[in-house]
Amino acid sequence: QHLQRYNSTYHLIILCNCEREHSY
C-alpha cells in the first residue's frame, strides 16, 4: 500500500492455491 503510491506502472502477479483463497 505504501509503495504503490510511487509507481502506477508495476507488473505484479500473485498466484495462490484456490483451496486457500480465504487466507490473508
mmCIF file of all heavy atoms, coordinates in Angstrom:
data_MODEL
# 
_entry.id   MODEL 
# 
loop_
_atom_site.group_PDB 
_atom_site.id 
_atom_site.type_symbol 
_atom_site.label_atom_id 
_atom_site.label_alt_id 
_atom_site.label_comp_id 
_atom_site.label_asym_id 
_atom_site.label_entity_id 
_atom_site.label_seq_id 
_atom_site.pdbx_PDB_ins_code 
_atom_site.Cartn_x 
_atom_site.Cartn_y 
_atom_site.Cartn_z 
_atom_site.occupancy 
_atom_site.B_iso_or_equiv 
_atom_site.pdbx_formal_charge 
_atom_site.auth_seq_id 
_atom_site.auth_comp_id 
_atom_site.auth_asym_id 
_atom_site.auth_atom_id 
_atom_site.pdbx_PDB_model_num 
ATOM 1   N N   . GLN A 1 1  ? 0.839   -1.205  0.000   1.00 0.00 ? 1  GLN A N   1 
ATOM 2   C CA  . GLN A 1 1  ? 0.000   0.000   0.000   1.00 0.00 ? 1  GLN A CA  1 
ATOM 3   C C   . GLN A 1 1  ? 0.876   1.258   0.000   1.00 0.00 ? 1  GLN A C   1 
ATOM 4   O O   . GLN A 1 1  ? 0.559   2.238   -0.674  1.00 0.00 ? 1  GLN A O   1 
ATOM 5   C CB  . GLN A 1 1  ? -0.944  0.011   1.209   1.00 0.00 ? 1  GLN A CB  1 
ATOM 6   C CG  . GLN A 1 1  ? -1.939  -1.129  1.238   1.00 0.00 ? 1  GLN A CG  1 
ATOM 7   C CD  . GLN A 1 1  ? -2.908  -1.117  0.067   1.00 0.00 ? 1  GLN A CD  1 
ATOM 8   O OE1 . GLN A 1 1  ? -3.103  -0.116  -0.595  1.00 0.00 ? 1  GLN A OE1 1 
ATOM 9   N NE2 . GLN A 1 1  ? -3.511  -2.261  -0.189  1.00 0.00 ? 1  GLN A NE2 1 
ATOM 10  N N   . HIS A 1 2  ? 1.962   1.229   0.733   1.00 0.00 ? 2  HIS A N   1 
ATOM 11  C CA  . HIS A 1 2  ? 2.865   2.375   0.810   1.00 0.00 ? 2  HIS A CA  1 
ATOM 12  C C   . HIS A 1 2  ? 3.595   2.595   -0.519  1.00 0.00 ? 2  HIS A C   1 
ATOM 13  O O   . HIS A 1 2  ? 3.656   3.725   -1.025  1.00 0.00 ? 2  HIS A O   1 
ATOM 14  C CB  . HIS A 1 2  ? 3.865   2.177   1.949   1.00 0.00 ? 2  HIS A CB  1 
ATOM 15  C CG  . HIS A 1 2  ? 4.902   3.240   2.033   1.00 0.00 ? 2  HIS A CG  1 
ATOM 16  N ND1 . HIS A 1 2  ? 4.634   4.515   2.466   1.00 0.00 ? 2  HIS A ND1 1 
ATOM 17  C CD2 . HIS A 1 2  ? 6.218   3.210   1.711   1.00 0.00 ? 2  HIS A CD2 1 
ATOM 18  C CE1 . HIS A 1 2  ? 5.742   5.231   2.404   1.00 0.00 ? 2  HIS A CE1 1 
ATOM 19  N NE2 . HIS A 1 2  ? 6.715   4.466   1.955   1.00 0.00 ? 2  HIS A NE2 1 
ATOM 20  N N   . LEU A 1 3  ? 4.154   1.531   -1.088  1.00 0.00 ? 3  LEU A N   1 
ATOM 21  C CA  . LEU A 1 3  ? 4.988   1.673   -2.284  1.00 0.00 ? 3  LEU A CA  1 
ATOM 22  C C   . LEU A 1 3  ? 4.196   1.908   -3.570  1.00 0.00 ? 3  LEU A C   1 
ATOM 23  O O   . LEU A 1 3  ? 4.708   2.564   -4.488  1.00 0.00 ? 3  LEU A O   1 
ATOM 24  C CB  . LEU A 1 3  ? 5.876   0.438   -2.457  1.00 0.00 ? 3  LEU A CB  1 
ATOM 25  C CG  . LEU A 1 3  ? 6.974   0.242   -1.432  1.00 0.00 ? 3  LEU A CG  1 
ATOM 26  C CD1 . LEU A 1 3  ? 7.689   -1.081  -1.674  1.00 0.00 ? 3  LEU A CD1 1 
ATOM 27  C CD2 . LEU A 1 3  ? 7.956   1.401   -1.453  1.00 0.00 ? 3  LEU A CD2 1 
ATOM 28  N N   . GLN A 1 4  ? 2.996   1.389   -3.646  1.00 0.00 ? 4  GLN A N   1 
ATOM 29  C CA  . GLN A 1 4  ? 2.255   1.516   -4.907  1.00 0.00 ? 4  GLN A CA  1 
ATOM 30  C C   . GLN A 1 4  ? 1.888   2.968   -5.212  1.00 0.00 ? 4  GLN A C   1 
ATOM 31  O O   . GLN A 1 4  ? 1.587   3.316   -6.346  1.00 0.00 ? 4  GLN A O   1 
ATOM 32  C CB  . GLN A 1 4  ? 1.029   0.628   -4.923  1.00 0.00 ? 4  GLN A CB  1 
ATOM 33  C CG  . GLN A 1 4  ? -0.141  1.165   -4.152  1.00 0.00 ? 4  GLN A CG  1 
ATOM 34  C CD  . GLN A 1 4  ? -1.433  0.474   -4.540  1.00 0.00 ? 4  GLN A CD  1 
ATOM 35  O OE1 . GLN A 1 4  ? -1.437  -0.455  -5.334  1.00 0.00 ? 4  GLN A OE1 1 
ATOM 36  N NE2 . GLN A 1 4  ? -2.519  0.926   -3.983  1.00 0.00 ? 4  GLN A NE2 1 
ATOM 37  N N   . ARG A 1 5  ? 1.937   3.830   -4.220  1.00 0.00 ? 5  ARG A N   1 
ATOM 38  C CA  . ARG A 1 5  ? 1.662   5.255   -4.442  1.00 0.00 ? 5  ARG A CA  1 
ATOM 39  C C   . ARG A 1 5  ? 2.715   5.886   -5.350  1.00 0.00 ? 5  ARG A C   1 
ATOM 40  O O   . ARG A 1 5  ? 2.459   6.880   -6.006  1.00 0.00 ? 5  ARG A O   1 
ATOM 41  C CB  . ARG A 1 5  ? 1.649   6.009   -3.119  1.00 0.00 ? 5  ARG A CB  1 
ATOM 42  C CG  . ARG A 1 5  ? 0.490   5.642   -2.249  1.00 0.00 ? 5  ARG A CG  1 
ATOM 43  C CD  . ARG A 1 5  ? 0.482   6.509   -1.011  1.00 0.00 ? 5  ARG A CD  1 
ATOM 44  N NE  . ARG A 1 5  ? 0.240   5.628   0.124   1.00 0.00 ? 5  ARG A NE  1 
ATOM 45  C CZ  . ARG A 1 5  ? 0.723   5.797   1.321   1.00 0.00 ? 5  ARG A CZ  1 
ATOM 46  N NH1 . ARG A 1 5  ? 1.503   6.805   1.587   1.00 0.00 ? 5  ARG A NH1 1 
ATOM 47  N NH2 . ARG A 1 5  ? 0.436   4.960   2.289   1.00 0.00 ? 5  ARG A NH2 1 
ATOM 48  N N   . TYR A 1 6  ? 3.911   5.301   -5.370  1.00 0.00 ? 6  TYR A N   1 
ATOM 49  C CA  . TYR A 1 6  ? 5.015   5.874   -6.120  1.00 0.00 ? 6  TYR A CA  1 
ATOM 50  C C   . TYR A 1 6  ? 5.144   5.317   -7.532  1.00 0.00 ? 6  TYR A C   1 
ATOM 51  O O   . TYR A 1 6  ? 5.962   5.800   -8.307  1.00 0.00 ? 6  TYR A O   1 
ATOM 52  C CB  . TYR A 1 6  ? 6.333   5.649   -5.376  1.00 0.00 ? 6  TYR A CB  1 
ATOM 53  C CG  . TYR A 1 6  ? 6.308   6.227   -3.990  1.00 0.00 ? 6  TYR A CG  1 
ATOM 54  C CD1 . TYR A 1 6  ? 6.213   5.393   -2.877  1.00 0.00 ? 6  TYR A CD1 1 
ATOM 55  C CD2 . TYR A 1 6  ? 6.347   7.598   -3.794  1.00 0.00 ? 6  TYR A CD2 1 
ATOM 56  C CE1 . TYR A 1 6  ? 6.181   5.923   -1.599  1.00 0.00 ? 6  TYR A CE1 1 
ATOM 57  C CE2 . TYR A 1 6  ? 6.310   8.139   -2.508  1.00 0.00 ? 6  TYR A CE2 1 
ATOM 58  C CZ  . TYR A 1 6  ? 6.219   7.291   -1.421  1.00 0.00 ? 6  TYR A CZ  1 
ATOM 59  O OH  . TYR A 1 6  ? 6.173   7.815   -0.165  1.00 0.00 ? 6  TYR A OH  1 
ATOM 60  N N   . ASN A 1 7  ? 4.379   4.303   -7.851  1.00 0.00 ? 7  ASN A N   1 
ATOM 61  C CA  . ASN A 1 7  ? 4.525   3.667   -9.154  1.00 0.00 ? 7  ASN A CA  1 
ATOM 62  C C   . ASN A 1 7  ? 3.180   3.091   -9.588  1.00 0.00 ? 7  ASN A C   1 
ATOM 63  O O   . ASN A 1 7  ? 2.668   2.176   -8.964  1.00 0.00 ? 7  ASN A O   1 
ATOM 64  C CB  . ASN A 1 7  ? 5.578   2.554   -9.076  1.00 0.00 ? 7  ASN A CB  1 
ATOM 65  C CG  . ASN A 1 7  ? 5.863   1.923   -10.419 1.00 0.00 ? 7  ASN A CG  1 
ATOM 66  O OD1 . ASN A 1 7  ? 5.347   2.350   -11.444 1.00 0.00 ? 7  ASN A OD1 1 
ATOM 67  N ND2 . ASN A 1 7  ? 6.686   0.904   -10.414 1.00 0.00 ? 7  ASN A ND2 1 
ATOM 68  N N   . SER A 1 8  ? 2.653   3.598   -10.664 1.00 0.00 ? 8  SER A N   1 
ATOM 69  C CA  . SER A 1 8  ? 1.371   3.087   -11.156 1.00 0.00 ? 8  SER A CA  1 
ATOM 70  C C   . SER A 1 8  ? 1.542   2.160   -12.352 1.00 0.00 ? 8  SER A C   1 
ATOM 71  O O   . SER A 1 8  ? 0.562   1.689   -12.916 1.00 0.00 ? 8  SER A O   1 
ATOM 72  C CB  . SER A 1 8  ? 0.458   4.252   -11.540 1.00 0.00 ? 8  SER A CB  1 
ATOM 73  O OG  . SER A 1 8  ? 1.054   5.001   -12.583 1.00 0.00 ? 8  SER A OG  1 
ATOM 74  N N   . THR A 1 9  ? 2.789   1.872   -12.727 1.00 0.00 ? 9  THR A N   1 
ATOM 75  C CA  . THR A 1 9  ? 3.025   1.048   -13.917 1.00 0.00 ? 9  THR A CA  1 
ATOM 76  C C   . THR A 1 9  ? 3.693   -0.285  -13.590 1.00 0.00 ? 9  THR A C   1 
ATOM 77  O O   . THR A 1 9  ? 4.316   -0.878  -14.446 1.00 0.00 ? 9  THR A O   1 
ATOM 78  C CB  . THR A 1 9  ? 3.902   1.811   -14.932 1.00 0.00 ? 9  THR A CB  1 
ATOM 79  O OG1 . THR A 1 9  ? 5.155   2.103   -14.308 1.00 0.00 ? 9  THR A OG1 1 
ATOM 80  C CG2 . THR A 1 9  ? 3.235   3.082   -15.402 1.00 0.00 ? 9  THR A CG2 1 
ATOM 81  N N   . TYR A 1 10 ? 3.577   -0.746  -12.360 1.00 0.00 ? 10 TYR A N   1 
ATOM 82  C CA  . TYR A 1 10 ? 4.194   -2.017  -11.997 1.00 0.00 ? 10 TYR A CA  1 
ATOM 83  C C   . TYR A 1 10 ? 3.431   -3.189  -12.612 1.00 0.00 ? 10 TYR A C   1 
ATOM 84  O O   . TYR A 1 10 ? 2.273   -3.060  -13.006 1.00 0.00 ? 10 TYR A O   1 
ATOM 85  C CB  . TYR A 1 10 ? 4.257   -2.169  -10.471 1.00 0.00 ? 10 TYR A CB  1 
ATOM 86  C CG  . TYR A 1 10 ? 2.906   -2.158  -9.807  1.00 0.00 ? 10 TYR A CG  1 
ATOM 87  C CD1 . TYR A 1 10 ? 2.201   -3.343  -9.620  1.00 0.00 ? 10 TYR A CD1 1 
ATOM 88  C CD2 . TYR A 1 10 ? 2.319   -0.972  -9.368  1.00 0.00 ? 10 TYR A CD2 1 
ATOM 89  C CE1 . TYR A 1 10 ? 0.949   -3.349  -9.033  1.00 0.00 ? 10 TYR A CE1 1 
ATOM 90  C CE2 . TYR A 1 10 ? 1.079   -0.967  -8.776  1.00 0.00 ? 10 TYR A CE2 1 
ATOM 91  C CZ  . TYR A 1 10 ? 0.396   -2.150  -8.610  1.00 0.00 ? 10 TYR A CZ  1 
ATOM 92  O OH  . TYR A 1 10 ? -0.847  -2.155  -8.034  1.00 0.00 ? 10 TYR A OH  1 
ATOM 93  N N   . HIS A 1 11 ? 4.107   -4.334  -12.702 1.00 0.00 ? 11 HIS A N   1 
ATOM 94  C CA  . HIS A 1 11 ? 3.506   -5.568  -13.191 1.00 0.00 ? 11 HIS A CA  1 
ATOM 95  C C   . HIS A 1 11 ? 3.719   -6.639  -12.137 1.00 0.00 ? 11 HIS A C   1 
ATOM 96  O O   . HIS A 1 11 ? 4.823   -7.162  -12.001 1.00 0.00 ? 11 HIS A O   1 
ATOM 97  C CB  . HIS A 1 11 ? 4.151   -6.008  -14.510 1.00 0.00 ? 11 HIS A CB  1 
ATOM 98  C CG  . HIS A 1 11 ? 3.859   -5.088  -15.641 1.00 0.00 ? 11 HIS A CG  1 
ATOM 99  N ND1 . HIS A 1 11 ? 4.685   -4.041  -15.990 1.00 0.00 ? 11 HIS A ND1 1 
ATOM 100 C CD2 . HIS A 1 11 ? 2.807   -5.031  -16.486 1.00 0.00 ? 11 HIS A CD2 1 
ATOM 101 C CE1 . HIS A 1 11 ? 4.170   -3.405  -17.004 1.00 0.00 ? 11 HIS A CE1 1 
ATOM 102 N NE2 . HIS A 1 11 ? 3.021   -3.978  -17.330 1.00 0.00 ? 11 HIS A NE2 1 
ATOM 103 N N   . LEU A 1 12 ? 2.681   -6.955  -11.387 1.00 0.00 ? 12 LEU A N   1 
ATOM 104 C CA  . LEU A 1 12 ? 2.768   -7.931  -10.304 1.00 0.00 ? 12 LEU A CA  1 
ATOM 105 C C   . LEU A 1 12 ? 1.669   -8.961  -10.453 1.00 0.00 ? 12 LEU A C   1 
ATOM 106 O O   . LEU A 1 12 ? 0.495   -8.619  -10.576 1.00 0.00 ? 12 LEU A O   1 
ATOM 107 C CB  . LEU A 1 12 ? 2.642   -7.227  -8.944  1.00 0.00 ? 12 LEU A CB  1 
ATOM 108 C CG  . LEU A 1 12 ? 2.607   -8.130  -7.706  1.00 0.00 ? 12 LEU A CG  1 
ATOM 109 C CD1 . LEU A 1 12 ? 3.914   -8.908  -7.561  1.00 0.00 ? 12 LEU A CD1 1 
ATOM 110 C CD2 . LEU A 1 12 ? 2.338   -7.298  -6.462  1.00 0.00 ? 12 LEU A CD2 1 
ATOM 111 N N   . ILE A 1 13 ? 2.079   -10.220 -10.425 1.00 0.00 ? 13 ILE A N   1 
ATOM 112 C CA  . ILE A 1 13 ? 1.131   -11.335 -10.461 1.00 0.00 ? 13 ILE A CA  1 
ATOM 113 C C   . ILE A 1 13 ? 1.291   -12.096 -9.159  1.00 0.00 ? 13 ILE A C   1 
ATOM 114 O O   . ILE A 1 13 ? 2.410   -12.428 -8.760  1.00 0.00 ? 13 ILE A O   1 
ATOM 115 C CB  . ILE A 1 13 ? 1.409   -12.268 -11.661 1.00 0.00 ? 13 ILE A CB  1 
ATOM 116 C CG1 . ILE A 1 13 ? 1.226   -11.498 -12.967 1.00 0.00 ? 13 ILE A CG1 1 
ATOM 117 C CG2 . ILE A 1 13 ? 0.518   -13.500 -11.606 1.00 0.00 ? 13 ILE A CG2 1 
ATOM 118 C CD1 . ILE A 1 13 ? 1.678   -12.250 -14.192 1.00 0.00 ? 13 ILE A CD1 1 
ATOM 119 N N   . ILE A 1 14 ? 0.184   -12.374 -8.503  1.00 0.00 ? 14 ILE A N   1 
ATOM 120 C CA  . ILE A 1 14 ? 0.205   -13.143 -7.262  1.00 0.00 ? 14 ILE A CA  1 
ATOM 121 C C   . ILE A 1 14 ? -0.586  -14.415 -7.511  1.00 0.00 ? 14 ILE A C   1 
ATOM 122 O O   . ILE A 1 14 ? -1.790  -14.362 -7.770  1.00 0.00 ? 14 ILE A O   1 
ATOM 123 C CB  . ILE A 1 14 ? -0.415  -12.340 -6.093  1.00 0.00 ? 14 ILE A CB  1 
ATOM 124 C CG1 . ILE A 1 14 ? 0.354   -11.034 -5.886  1.00 0.00 ? 14 ILE A CG1 1 
ATOM 125 C CG2 . ILE A 1 14 ? -0.414  -13.179 -4.823  1.00 0.00 ? 14 ILE A CG2 1 
ATOM 126 C CD1 . ILE A 1 14 ? -0.278  -10.107 -4.867  1.00 0.00 ? 14 ILE A CD1 1 
ATOM 127 N N   . LEU A 1 15 ? 0.100   -15.553 -7.463  1.00 0.00 ? 15 LEU A N   1 
ATOM 128 C CA  . LEU A 1 15 ? -0.550  -16.844 -7.683  1.00 0.00 ? 15 LEU A CA  1 
ATOM 129 C C   . LEU A 1 15 ? -0.784  -17.534 -6.354  1.00 0.00 ? 15 LEU A C   1 
ATOM 130 O O   . LEU A 1 15 ? 0.118   -17.633 -5.524  1.00 0.00 ? 15 LEU A O   1 
ATOM 131 C CB  . LEU A 1 15 ? 0.307   -17.737 -8.580  1.00 0.00 ? 15 LEU A CB  1 
ATOM 132 C CG  . LEU A 1 15 ? 0.515   -17.220 -9.998  1.00 0.00 ? 15 LEU A CG  1 
ATOM 133 C CD1 . LEU A 1 15 ? 1.491   -18.103 -10.755 1.00 0.00 ? 15 LEU A CD1 1 
ATOM 134 C CD2 . LEU A 1 15 ? -0.793  -17.148 -10.740 1.00 0.00 ? 15 LEU A CD2 1 
ATOM 135 N N   . CYS A 1 16 ? -2.002  -18.015 -6.164  1.00 0.00 ? 16 CYS A N   1 
ATOM 136 C CA  . CYS A 1 16 ? -2.376  -18.677 -4.916  1.00 0.00 ? 16 CYS A CA  1 
ATOM 137 C C   . CYS A 1 16 ? -3.133  -19.950 -5.220  1.00 0.00 ? 16 CYS A C   1 
ATOM 138 O O   . CYS A 1 16 ? -3.716  -20.103 -6.291  1.00 0.00 ? 16 CYS A O   1 
ATOM 139 C CB  . CYS A 1 16 ? -3.263  -17.757 -4.077  1.00 0.00 ? 16 CYS A CB  1 
ATOM 140 S SG  . CYS A 1 16 ? -2.484  -16.207 -3.614  1.00 0.00 ? 16 CYS A SG  1 
ATOM 141 N N   . ASN A 1 17 ? -3.154  -20.818 -4.241  1.00 0.00 ? 17 ASN A N   1 
ATOM 142 C CA  . ASN A 1 17 ? -3.922  -22.056 -4.326  1.00 0.00 ? 17 ASN A CA  1 
ATOM 143 C C   . ASN A 1 17 ? -5.393  -21.712 -4.123  1.00 0.00 ? 17 ASN A C   1 
ATOM 144 O O   . ASN A 1 17 ? -5.762  -21.084 -3.134  1.00 0.00 ? 17 ASN A O   1 
ATOM 145 C CB  . ASN A 1 17 ? -3.429  -23.022 -3.241  1.00 0.00 ? 17 ASN A CB  1 
ATOM 146 C CG  . ASN A 1 17 ? -4.111  -24.363 -3.303  1.00 0.00 ? 17 ASN A CG  1 
ATOM 147 O OD1 . ASN A 1 17 ? -5.189  -24.518 -3.851  1.00 0.00 ? 17 ASN A OD1 1 
ATOM 148 N ND2 . ASN A 1 17 ? -3.464  -25.350 -2.721  1.00 0.00 ? 17 ASN A ND2 1 
ATOM 149 N N   . CYS A 1 18 ? -6.253  -22.136 -5.041  1.00 0.00 ? 18 CYS A N   1 
ATOM 150 C CA  . CYS A 1 18 ? -7.671  -21.787 -4.939  1.00 0.00 ? 18 CYS A CA  1 
ATOM 151 C C   . CYS A 1 18 ? -8.319  -22.403 -3.699  1.00 0.00 ? 18 CYS A C   1 
ATOM 152 O O   . CYS A 1 18 ? -9.347  -21.914 -3.228  1.00 0.00 ? 18 CYS A O   1 
ATOM 153 C CB  . CYS A 1 18 ? -8.421  -22.194 -6.203  1.00 0.00 ? 18 CYS A CB  1 
ATOM 154 S SG  . CYS A 1 18 ? -8.472  -23.962 -6.515  1.00 0.00 ? 18 CYS A SG  1 
ATOM 155 N N   . GLU A 1 19 ? -7.725  -23.434 -3.137  1.00 0.00 ? 19 GLU A N   1 
ATOM 156 C CA  . GLU A 1 19 ? -8.275  -24.045 -1.924  1.00 0.00 ? 19 GLU A CA  1 
ATOM 157 C C   . GLU A 1 19 ? -7.965  -23.215 -0.685  1.00 0.00 ? 19 GLU A C   1 
ATOM 158 O O   . GLU A 1 19 ? -8.525  -23.457 0.372   1.00 0.00 ? 19 GLU A O   1 
ATOM 159 C CB  . GLU A 1 19 ? -7.731  -25.463 -1.760  1.00 0.00 ? 19 GLU A CB  1 
ATOM 160 C CG  . GLU A 1 19 ? -8.216  -26.396 -2.854  1.00 0.00 ? 19 GLU A CG  1 
ATOM 161 C CD  . GLU A 1 19 ? -7.592  -27.773 -2.770  1.00 0.00 ? 19 GLU A CD  1 
ATOM 162 O OE1 . GLU A 1 19 ? -6.829  -28.049 -1.810  1.00 0.00 ? 19 GLU A OE1 1 
ATOM 163 O OE2 . GLU A 1 19 ? -7.864  -28.581 -3.670  1.00 0.00 ? 19 GLU A OE2 1 
ATOM 164 N N   . ARG A 1 20 ? -7.069  -22.225 -0.816  1.00 0.00 ? 20 ARG A N   1 
ATOM 165 C CA  . ARG A 1 20 ? -6.714  -21.362 0.318   1.00 0.00 ? 20 ARG A CA  1 
ATOM 166 C C   . ARG A 1 20 ? -7.058  -19.908 0.013   1.00 0.00 ? 20 ARG A C   1 
ATOM 167 O O   . ARG A 1 20 ? -6.401  -18.986 0.465   1.00 0.00 ? 20 ARG A O   1 
ATOM 168 C CB  . ARG A 1 20 ? -5.222  -21.504 0.626   1.00 0.00 ? 20 ARG A CB  1 
ATOM 169 C CG  . ARG A 1 20 ? -4.851  -22.892 1.120   1.00 0.00 ? 20 ARG A CG  1 
ATOM 170 C CD  . ARG A 1 20 ? -3.362  -23.032 1.388   1.00 0.00 ? 20 ARG A CD  1 
ATOM 171 N NE  . ARG A 1 20 ? -2.755  -21.881 2.030   1.00 0.00 ? 20 ARG A NE  1 
ATOM 172 C CZ  . ARG A 1 20 ? -2.610  -21.732 3.353   1.00 0.00 ? 20 ARG A CZ  1 
ATOM 173 N NH1 . ARG A 1 20 ? -3.039  -22.670 4.157   1.00 0.00 ? 20 ARG A NH1 1 
ATOM 174 N NH2 . ARG A 1 20 ? -2.025  -20.666 3.850   1.00 0.00 ? 20 ARG A NH2 1 
ATOM 175 N N   . GLU A 1 21 ? -8.141  -19.710 -0.734  1.00 0.00 ? 21 GLU A N   1 
ATOM 176 C CA  . GLU A 1 21 ? -8.496  -18.364 -1.165  1.00 0.00 ? 21 GLU A CA  1 
ATOM 177 C C   . GLU A 1 21 ? -8.948  -17.454 -0.024  1.00 0.00 ? 21 GLU A C   1 
ATOM 178 O O   . GLU A 1 21 ? -9.067  -16.243 -0.208  1.00 0.00 ? 21 GLU A O   1 
ATOM 179 C CB  . GLU A 1 21 ? -9.576  -18.411 -2.242  1.00 0.00 ? 21 GLU A CB  1 
ATOM 180 C CG  . GLU A 1 21 ? -10.914 -18.932 -1.769  1.00 0.00 ? 21 GLU A CG  1 
ATOM 181 C CD  . GLU A 1 21 ? -11.934 -18.979 -2.887  1.00 0.00 ? 21 GLU A CD  1 
ATOM 182 O OE1 . GLU A 1 21 ? -11.876 -18.136 -3.795  1.00 0.00 ? 21 GLU A OE1 1 
ATOM 183 O OE2 . GLU A 1 21 ? -12.776 -19.875 -2.845  1.00 0.00 ? 21 GLU A OE2 1 
ATOM 184 N N   . HIS A 1 22 ? -9.185  -18.007 1.153   1.00 0.00 ? 22 HIS A N   1 
ATOM 185 C CA  . HIS A 1 22 ? -9.612  -17.191 2.283   1.00 0.00 ? 22 HIS A CA  1 
ATOM 186 C C   . HIS A 1 22 ? -8.457  -16.827 3.214   1.00 0.00 ? 22 HIS A C   1 
ATOM 187 O O   . HIS A 1 22 ? -8.681  -16.221 4.252   1.00 0.00 ? 22 HIS A O   1 
ATOM 188 C CB  . HIS A 1 22 ? -10.725 -17.890 3.064   1.00 0.00 ? 22 HIS A CB  1 
ATOM 189 C CG  . HIS A 1 22 ? -11.938 -18.123 2.224   1.00 0.00 ? 22 HIS A CG  1 
ATOM 190 N ND1 . HIS A 1 22 ? -12.694 -17.095 1.702   1.00 0.00 ? 22 HIS A ND1 1 
ATOM 191 C CD2 . HIS A 1 22 ? -12.518 -19.260 1.770   1.00 0.00 ? 22 HIS A CD2 1 
ATOM 192 C CE1 . HIS A 1 22 ? -13.682 -17.584 0.985   1.00 0.00 ? 22 HIS A CE1 1 
ATOM 193 N NE2 . HIS A 1 22 ? -13.595 -18.896 1.009   1.00 0.00 ? 22 HIS A NE2 1 
ATOM 194 N N   . SER A 1 23 ? -7.229  -17.170 2.823   1.00 0.00 ? 23 SER A N   1 
ATOM 195 C CA  . SER A 1 23 ? -6.090  -16.741 3.625   1.00 0.00 ? 23 SER A CA  1 
ATOM 196 C C   . SER A 1 23 ? -5.856  -15.248 3.367   1.00 0.00 ? 23 SER A C   1 
ATOM 197 O O   . SER A 1 23 ? -6.508  -14.633 2.529   1.00 0.00 ? 23 SER A O   1 
ATOM 198 C CB  . SER A 1 23 ? -4.857  -17.589 3.320   1.00 0.00 ? 23 SER A CB  1 
ATOM 199 O OG  . SER A 1 23 ? -4.499  -17.466 1.977   1.00 0.00 ? 23 SER A OG  1 
ATOM 200 N N   . TYR A 1 24 ? -4.928  -14.658 4.078   1.00 0.00 ? 24 TYR A N   1 
ATOM 201 C CA  . TYR A 1 24 ? -4.796  -13.203 4.121   1.00 0.00 ? 24 TYR A CA  1 
ATOM 202 C C   . TYR A 1 24 ? -4.540  -12.555 2.749   1.00 0.00 ? 24 TYR A C   1 
ATOM 203 O O   . TYR A 1 24 ? -5.292  -11.673 2.326   1.00 0.00 ? 24 TYR A O   1 
ATOM 204 C CB  . TYR A 1 24 ? -3.691  -12.811 5.109   1.00 0.00 ? 24 TYR A CB  1 
ATOM 205 C CG  . TYR A 1 24 ? -3.708  -11.340 5.431   1.00 0.00 ? 24 TYR A CG  1 
ATOM 206 C CD1 . TYR A 1 24 ? -4.494  -10.860 6.469   1.00 0.00 ? 24 TYR A CD1 1 
ATOM 207 C CD2 . TYR A 1 24 ? -2.963  -10.441 4.696   1.00 0.00 ? 24 TYR A CD2 1 
ATOM 208 C CE1 . TYR A 1 24 ? -4.528  -9.505  6.767   1.00 0.00 ? 24 TYR A CE1 1 
ATOM 209 C CE2 . TYR A 1 24 ? -2.989  -9.087  4.990   1.00 0.00 ? 24 TYR A CE2 1 
ATOM 210 C CZ  . TYR A 1 24 ? -3.771  -8.631  6.024   1.00 0.00 ? 24 TYR A CZ  1 
ATOM 211 O OH  . TYR A 1 24 ? -3.810  -7.292  6.301   1.00 0.00 ? 24 TYR A OH  1 
# 
